[in-house]
């Protein structure tokens, strides 16, 4: 039986609101997954992913980067909010660490077995969390941004990294991909990058439409294949 609680937590006086999903019939602690939302904020999409992860035996918390009640209603609002945090990586990292603390503070979380996943803007946040030296087993991005103003900080990465990427994503240009790969090599990180042919940005979002010509579209094969890749990755890091 999957339960979804709504909780509040704090980051320097800002109240954040998250969903926490878990199987209430499962006994004892279990690995914890931090989910970081795309530019639309905490939404039914990330809640659904949290419920899927709970059904797999994890406890999942949807970190709130924007703060309680800050839920963009349009793409323009979302772009402004996401841009604010992309331009302030220190605050972005603090907000992700606040979400991680909330996850680890839950008595059902096995604090020695945690991972983070993120979508689009959330993928950027997950990689910044990794670069900050967060003590987690793994970091997963789905069609996330790869660039960072601090590539040298990749040497701080503690866990393994999995990047799930649309091969035709115009919003993450080839120079960003190559720079990220070089960053990981220079840091001697344990990383993987999987490309999905024909997939563009936001390939996991069914509300993205099906026309890839604009650079944003749902891709059923990439969605399913990337989720399976994540499951294999979790099987490895939580073994």
Protein backbone atom coordinates (compact mmCIF):
# COMPACT_ATOMS: atom_id res chain seq x y z
CA UNK A 1 0.00 0.00 0.00
CA UNK A 2 1.65 3.21 -1.19
CA UNK A 3 1.27 6.24 1.04
CA UNK A 4 2.10 9.79 -0.01
CA UNK A 5 2.60 12.34 2.76
CA UNK A 6 2.99 16.07 2.31
CA UNK A 7 5.70 17.47 4.56
CA UNK A 8 7.36 20.81 5.15
CA UNK A 9 11.04 21.47 5.80
CA UNK A 10 13.19 24.57 6.08
CA UNK A 11 16.13 26.10 4.28
CA UNK A 12 17.40 29.28 5.93
CA UNK A 13 13.93 30.45 6.84
CA UNK A 14 12.28 29.42 3.57
CA UNK A 15 9.57 26.82 3.94
CA UNK A 16 9.69 24.05 1.35
CA UNK A 17 6.94 21.52 0.70
CA UNK A 18 7.53 18.00 -0.52
CA UNK A 19 5.78 14.73 -1.22
CA UNK A 20 7.15 11.65 0.54
CA UNK A 21 6.10 8.29 -0.91
CA UNK A 22 6.65 4.88 0.68
CA UNK A 23 5.09 1.44 1.03
CA UNK A 24 3.55 1.45 4.49
CA UNK A 25 3.30 -2.34 4.52
CA UNK A 26 7.05 -2.71 4.08
CA UNK A 27 8.93 -3.06 7.36
CA UNK A 28 12.15 -1.35 8.34
CA UNK A 29 14.44 1.10 6.63
CA UNK A 30 14.89 1.22 2.88
CA UNK A 31 17.06 3.13 0.37
CA UNK A 32 16.04 6.73 -0.09
CA UNK A 33 15.64 8.53 -3.41
CA UNK A 34 15.67 12.32 -3.67
CA UNK A 35 13.72 13.54 -6.71
CA UNK A 36 14.40 17.02 -8.05
CA UNK A 37 11.72 18.55 -10.22
CA UNK A 38 11.96 20.12 -13.64
CA UNK A 39 11.38 23.83 -14.20
CA UNK A 40 7.65 23.51 -13.41
CA UNK A 41 8.37 22.78 -9.76
CA UNK A 42 6.89 20.11 -7.49
CA UNK A 43 4.05 18.71 -9.58
CA UNK A 44 1.91 15.63 -10.22
CA UNK A 45 4.67 14.38 -12.53
CA UNK A 46 7.30 14.08 -9.78
CA UNK A 47 4.69 12.82 -7.34
CA UNK A 48 3.95 10.02 -9.82
CA UNK A 49 7.64 9.16 -10.07
CA UNK A 50 7.84 9.09 -6.27
CA UNK A 51 4.94 6.64 -6.15
CA UNK A 52 6.64 4.42 -8.75
CA UNK A 53 9.82 4.37 -6.68
CA UNK A 54 7.88 3.60 -3.52
CA UNK A 55 6.28 0.61 -5.27
CA UNK A 56 9.83 -0.60 -6.03
CA UNK A 57 10.64 -0.62 -2.32
CA UNK A 58 12.27 2.78 -1.89
CA UNK A 59 11.26 5.86 0.04
CA UNK A 60 11.17 8.87 -2.26
CA UNK A 61 11.04 12.58 -1.45
CA UNK A 62 10.34 15.30 -4.02
CA UNK A 63 12.68 18.16 -3.10
CA UNK A 64 11.20 21.65 -3.43
CA UNK A 65 13.73 24.07 -4.92
CA UNK A 66 11.35 27.01 -5.37
CA UNK A 67 9.68 27.00 -1.93
CA UNK A 68 6.17 26.31 -0.66
CA UNK A 69 3.43 27.65 -2.88
CA UNK A 70 5.79 28.72 -5.66
CA UNK A 71 4.40 26.73 -8.57
CA UNK A 72 4.82 28.32 -12.01
CA UNK A 73 1.74 28.26 -14.19
CA UNK A 74 3.38 29.06 -17.51
CA UNK A 75 6.60 28.28 -19.31
CA UNK A 76 7.64 31.92 -18.97
CA UNK A 77 7.27 31.83 -15.19
CA UNK A 78 9.13 28.53 -15.06
CA UNK A 79 11.97 29.86 -17.19
CA UNK A 80 12.40 32.84 -14.88
CA UNK A 81 12.47 30.70 -11.75
CA UNK A 82 14.78 28.06 -13.17
CA UNK A 83 17.07 30.76 -14.56
CA UNK A 84 17.32 32.38 -11.14
CA UNK A 85 18.69 29.19 -9.58
CA UNK A 86 20.88 28.26 -12.55
CA UNK A 87 22.56 31.64 -12.11
CA UNK A 88 23.01 31.09 -8.36
CA UNK A 89 24.55 27.64 -8.01
CA UNK A 90 25.38 28.15 -4.32
CA UNK A 91 21.70 28.63 -3.45
CA UNK A 92 20.71 25.77 -5.75
CA UNK A 93 23.11 23.48 -3.91
CA UNK A 94 21.84 24.63 -0.51
CA UNK A 95 18.27 23.95 -1.52
CA UNK A 96 19.12 20.44 -2.76
CA UNK A 97 21.01 19.70 0.46
CA UNK A 98 17.97 20.83 2.46
CA UNK A 99 15.88 18.31 0.55
CA UNK A 100 18.48 15.61 1.14
CA UNK A 101 18.45 16.36 4.87
CA UNK A 102 14.67 16.02 4.92
CA UNK A 103 14.98 12.65 3.21
CA UNK A 104 17.67 11.43 5.61
CA UNK A 105 15.73 12.69 8.62
CA UNK A 106 12.85 10.37 7.77
CA UNK A 107 13.04 7.33 10.08
CA UNK A 108 12.30 4.97 7.17
CA UNK A 109 15.37 6.07 5.20
CA UNK A 110 18.53 3.97 5.20
CA UNK A 111 20.87 6.95 5.30
CA UNK A 112 23.80 4.88 4.05
CA UNK A 113 21.92 4.05 0.83
CA UNK A 114 20.61 7.15 -0.91
CA UNK A 115 20.53 8.46 -4.47
CA UNK A 116 19.19 11.49 -6.32
CA UNK A 117 17.38 11.73 -9.64
CA UNK A 118 16.43 14.89 -11.52
CA UNK A 119 14.58 15.98 -14.63
CA UNK A 120 15.68 18.84 -16.94
CA UNK A 121 16.38 21.69 -14.48
CA UNK A 122 16.40 19.02 -11.78
CA UNK A 123 19.14 17.17 -13.64
CA UNK A 124 21.28 20.30 -13.39
CA UNK A 125 20.54 20.40 -9.67
CA UNK A 126 21.42 16.72 -9.20
CA UNK A 127 24.82 17.22 -10.82
CA UNK A 128 25.46 20.28 -8.63
CA UNK A 129 24.55 18.15 -5.62
CA UNK A 130 27.10 15.60 -6.78
CA UNK A 131 29.78 18.24 -7.38
CA UNK A 132 29.18 19.62 -3.89
CA UNK A 133 30.46 16.36 -2.39
CA UNK A 134 27.12 15.07 -1.10
CA UNK A 135 27.52 11.65 0.49
CA UNK A 136 25.21 9.60 -1.70
CA UNK A 137 25.58 6.34 -3.59
CA UNK A 138 24.41 7.66 -6.96
CA UNK A 139 23.18 10.54 -9.07
CA UNK A 140 20.88 10.20 -12.10
CA UNK A 141 19.81 12.85 -14.61
CA UNK A 142 17.02 12.57 -17.16
CA UNK A 143 17.46 15.06 -20.05
CA UNK A 144 19.22 17.39 -17.62
CA UNK A 145 21.52 20.33 -18.11
CA UNK A 146 25.19 19.36 -17.93
CA UNK A 147 27.01 22.68 -17.77
CA UNK A 148 28.50 24.12 -14.59
CA UNK A 149 30.55 27.21 -13.71
CA UNK A 150 32.72 25.03 -11.47
CA UNK A 151 33.87 21.95 -13.43
CA UNK A 152 36.91 21.47 -11.19
CA UNK A 153 34.56 20.61 -8.33
CA UNK A 154 33.69 17.32 -10.00
CA UNK A 155 36.61 15.95 -8.03
CA UNK A 156 34.30 16.12 -4.98
CA UNK A 157 31.84 13.57 -6.37
CA UNK A 158 31.34 10.72 -3.88
CA UNK A 159 28.92 8.44 -5.72
CA UNK A 160 28.38 7.07 -9.21
CA UNK A 161 26.84 9.16 -11.98
CA UNK A 162 24.33 8.12 -14.65
CA UNK A 163 23.30 10.58 -17.37
CA UNK A 164 20.29 9.64 -19.53
CA UNK A 165 20.26 11.94 -22.52
CA UNK A 166 18.31 12.59 -25.69
CA UNK A 167 20.75 12.25 -28.56
CA UNK A 168 18.98 15.05 -30.45
CA UNK A 169 18.38 17.42 -27.54
CA UNK A 170 19.00 20.94 -28.93
CA UNK A 171 18.94 22.52 -25.47
CA UNK A 172 22.07 20.64 -24.40
CA UNK A 173 24.43 21.34 -27.30
CA UNK A 174 27.32 19.09 -28.26
CA UNK A 175 29.95 21.39 -26.67
CA UNK A 176 28.17 20.97 -23.31
CA UNK A 177 28.14 17.20 -23.73
CA UNK A 178 31.83 17.06 -24.60
CA UNK A 179 32.74 19.44 -21.78
CA UNK A 180 30.82 17.30 -19.31
CA UNK A 181 32.53 14.13 -20.47
CA UNK A 182 35.92 15.79 -20.14
CA UNK A 183 34.95 17.06 -16.69
CA UNK A 184 34.12 13.52 -15.56
CA UNK A 185 37.34 12.13 -17.04
CA UNK A 186 39.48 14.77 -15.39
CA UNK A 187 37.79 14.08 -12.05
CA UNK A 188 38.20 10.30 -12.51
CA UNK A 189 34.54 9.93 -11.60
CA UNK A 190 32.58 6.69 -11.97
CA UNK A 191 30.16 7.81 -14.67
CA UNK A 192 27.97 6.54 -17.48
CA UNK A 193 26.16 8.39 -20.24
CA UNK A 194 23.38 6.80 -22.28
CA UNK A 195 22.09 8.44 -25.47
CA UNK A 196 18.61 7.76 -26.87
CA UNK A 197 18.39 8.12 -30.64
CA UNK A 198 15.58 10.33 -31.89
CA UNK A 199 14.90 11.73 -28.42
CA UNK A 200 14.93 15.47 -27.76
CA UNK A 201 14.45 17.45 -24.56
CA UNK A 202 11.87 16.40 -21.92
CA UNK A 203 11.50 12.94 -23.44
CA UNK A 204 9.96 11.55 -20.21
CA UNK A 205 7.11 14.09 -20.08
CA UNK A 206 3.93 12.93 -21.78
CA UNK A 207 2.62 16.49 -21.70
CA UNK A 208 5.50 17.59 -23.94
CA UNK A 209 3.63 16.56 -27.08
CA UNK A 210 4.93 14.22 -29.76
CA UNK A 211 6.43 16.63 -32.29
CA UNK A 212 10.22 16.73 -31.82
CA UNK A 213 10.73 19.52 -34.36
CA UNK A 214 10.54 22.16 -31.62
CA UNK A 215 13.17 20.42 -29.52
CA UNK A 216 10.76 19.23 -26.80
CA UNK A 217 8.70 16.05 -27.11
CA UNK A 218 7.72 12.88 -25.34
CA UNK A 219 9.47 9.73 -26.55
CA UNK A 220 7.92 6.54 -25.22
CA UNK A 221 10.90 4.31 -26.01
CA UNK A 222 13.40 6.69 -24.40
CA UNK A 223 11.13 7.15 -21.39
CA UNK A 224 10.84 3.41 -20.77
CA UNK A 225 14.46 2.60 -21.59
CA UNK A 226 15.82 5.35 -19.35
CA UNK A 227 13.66 4.20 -16.42
CA UNK A 228 14.95 0.65 -16.88
CA UNK A 229 18.53 1.96 -17.01
CA UNK A 230 17.93 3.76 -13.72
CA UNK A 231 16.60 0.57 -12.15
CA UNK A 232 19.70 -1.37 -13.20
CA UNK A 233 21.87 1.43 -11.84
CA UNK A 234 20.06 1.34 -8.49
CA UNK A 235 20.49 -2.43 -8.39
CA UNK A 236 24.23 -1.88 -8.68
CA UNK A 237 24.70 0.97 -6.21
CA UNK A 238 22.37 -0.48 -3.56
CA UNK A 239 23.56 -4.09 -3.86
